[in-house]
Amino acid sequence: MTAPPPVRAVSRPAPDSALVLLDLPADHPAFAGHFPDQPVLPGVLQTHWALTLGDDLLATGCRAATDFQVKFRRVIGPGPGLELSLRHDAGRRTLAFEYRQNGETAAQGRVRLTGAAP
């Protein structure tokens, strides 16, 4: 699976949440073949990156996820300032995420974490 782009900045508004700022260059491997004339970040990578960064930044302990509830509202293309908001609910064993680009919600979702500490 393609790794997330480098993190430009992280803020931690609360112990269970993080706001991540990413720059997504047009030559990032996530766009390879998806699509040549209009690069689009695949939804499966958006979810994978949220899970990966959620574990890295919030120590979710996630080894897998189920019960995906994701809504894709706008296409995510290359550019600076892609925001990813993460919120971990350890009691419910869920991770909520929202991607924002150009000030608009592009995707949001919630997944149930498996293999995470209760």
Protein backbone atom coordinates (compact mmCIF):
# COMPACT_ATOMS: atom_id res chain seq x y z
CA MET A 1 0.00 0.00 0.00
CA THR A 2 1.27 3.48 -0.80
CA ALA A 3 2.59 5.40 2.21
CA PRO A 4 1.12 8.78 3.13
CA PRO A 5 2.98 11.87 1.97
CA PRO A 6 5.26 13.56 4.50
CA VAL A 7 3.46 15.32 7.32
CA ARG A 8 4.02 19.08 7.20
CA ALA A 9 2.48 19.85 10.60
CA VAL A 10 0.52 18.22 13.41
CA SER A 11 -1.55 19.84 16.12
CA ARG A 12 -3.11 18.03 19.05
CA PRO A 13 -6.25 19.89 20.17
CA ALA A 14 -6.99 17.06 22.66
CA PRO A 15 -5.28 13.81 23.73
CA ASP A 16 -7.65 11.75 21.57
CA SER A 17 -7.42 13.88 18.42
CA ALA A 18 -4.96 15.23 15.89
CA LEU A 19 -5.05 17.65 12.97
CA VAL A 20 -2.53 16.69 10.29
CA LEU A 21 -1.42 18.94 7.44
CA LEU A 22 -0.13 17.13 4.35
CA ASP A 23 1.25 18.35 1.04
CA LEU A 24 0.27 16.03 -1.78
CA PRO A 25 2.49 16.56 -4.84
CA ALA A 26 1.22 15.57 -8.29
CA ASP A 27 4.09 13.08 -8.61
CA HIS A 28 3.12 11.18 -5.43
CA PRO A 29 2.84 7.41 -6.16
CA ALA A 30 -0.81 7.46 -5.01
CA PHE A 31 -1.73 9.12 -8.30
CA ALA A 32 0.06 6.61 -10.57
CA GLY A 33 -2.50 5.60 -13.20
CA HIS A 34 -5.37 7.20 -11.28
CA PHE A 35 -5.89 9.23 -13.62
CA PRO A 36 -3.34 10.69 -16.07
CA ASP A 37 -5.27 13.86 -17.00
CA GLN A 38 -6.87 14.48 -13.62
CA PRO A 39 -5.07 12.90 -10.65
CA VAL A 40 -7.46 11.53 -8.01
CA LEU A 41 -6.52 10.16 -4.60
CA PRO A 42 -8.17 6.71 -4.35
CA GLY A 43 -10.64 6.26 -1.50
CA VAL A 44 -8.92 3.09 -0.27
CA LEU A 45 -5.73 5.12 0.28
CA GLN A 46 -7.61 7.86 2.10
CA THR A 47 -8.90 5.26 4.55
CA HIS A 48 -5.53 3.50 4.81
CA TRP A 49 -3.72 6.79 5.49
CA ALA A 50 -6.24 7.74 8.19
CA LEU A 51 -5.70 4.37 9.91
CA THR A 52 -1.91 4.57 9.57
CA LEU A 53 -1.60 8.15 10.80
CA GLY A 54 -4.20 7.50 13.51
CA ASP A 55 -2.06 4.70 14.90
CA ASP A 56 1.17 6.69 14.55
CA LEU A 57 -0.18 9.85 16.20
CA LEU A 58 -2.88 8.58 18.57
CA ALA A 59 -1.51 5.12 19.41
CA THR A 60 -4.77 3.39 18.48
CA GLY A 61 -3.12 -0.04 18.43
CA CYS A 62 -5.11 -0.78 15.27
CA ARG A 63 -4.16 -3.93 13.39
CA ALA A 64 -7.31 -4.00 11.22
CA ALA A 65 -10.63 -2.23 10.85
CA THR A 66 -14.25 -3.18 10.20
CA ASP A 67 -17.62 -1.44 9.87
CA PHE A 68 -16.40 1.21 7.45
CA GLN A 69 -18.74 4.20 7.18
CA VAL A 70 -17.15 6.57 4.68
CA LYS A 71 -18.66 9.34 2.59
CA PHE A 72 -16.68 10.76 -0.31
CA ARG A 73 -17.95 14.26 -1.06
CA ARG A 74 -15.29 15.74 -3.37
CA VAL A 75 -12.34 14.49 -5.36
CA ILE A 76 -8.98 14.92 -3.62
CA GLY A 77 -6.30 15.95 -6.06
CA PRO A 78 -2.70 17.06 -5.71
CA GLY A 79 -1.82 20.24 -3.88
CA PRO A 80 -0.60 21.76 -0.65
CA GLY A 81 -2.62 21.99 2.52
CA LEU A 82 -4.57 18.73 2.60
CA GLU A 83 -5.96 18.56 6.15
CA LEU A 84 -6.73 15.30 7.93
CA SER A 85 -8.62 15.47 11.21
CA LEU A 86 -8.49 12.34 13.38
CA ARG A 87 -10.44 11.46 16.53
CA HIS A 88 -9.94 8.22 18.45
CA ASP A 89 -12.66 6.94 20.77
CA ALA A 90 -10.87 4.23 22.76
CA GLY A 91 -14.02 3.21 24.64
CA ARG A 92 -15.95 2.53 21.44
CA ARG A 93 -12.82 1.38 19.61
CA THR A 94 -13.45 3.72 16.68
CA LEU A 95 -11.46 6.18 14.62
CA ALA A 96 -13.25 9.08 12.95
CA PHE A 97 -11.56 11.05 10.20
CA GLU A 98 -12.21 13.96 7.88
CA TYR A 99 -10.19 15.17 4.90
CA ARG A 100 -10.47 18.84 3.94
CA GLN A 101 -8.99 20.43 0.85
CA ASN A 102 -9.36 24.07 -0.19
CA GLY A 103 -11.54 24.68 2.87
CA GLU A 104 -14.13 22.04 1.93
CA THR A 105 -14.82 18.58 3.31
CA ALA A 106 -13.67 16.05 0.72
CA ALA A 107 -14.23 12.83 2.68
CA GLN A 108 -15.24 11.77 6.15
CA GLY A 109 -15.72 8.49 7.88
CA ARG A 110 -15.61 6.28 10.92
CA VAL A 111 -14.21 2.79 11.30
CA ARG A 112 -14.24 0.25 14.10
CA LEU A 113 -10.74 -0.75 15.15
CA THR A 114 -9.87 -4.38 15.75
CA GLY A 115 -6.77 -5.53 17.53
CA ALA A 116 -6.75 -2.24 19.45
CA ALA A 117 -6.45 -2.10 23.20
CA PRO A 118 -9.90 -1.67 24.78
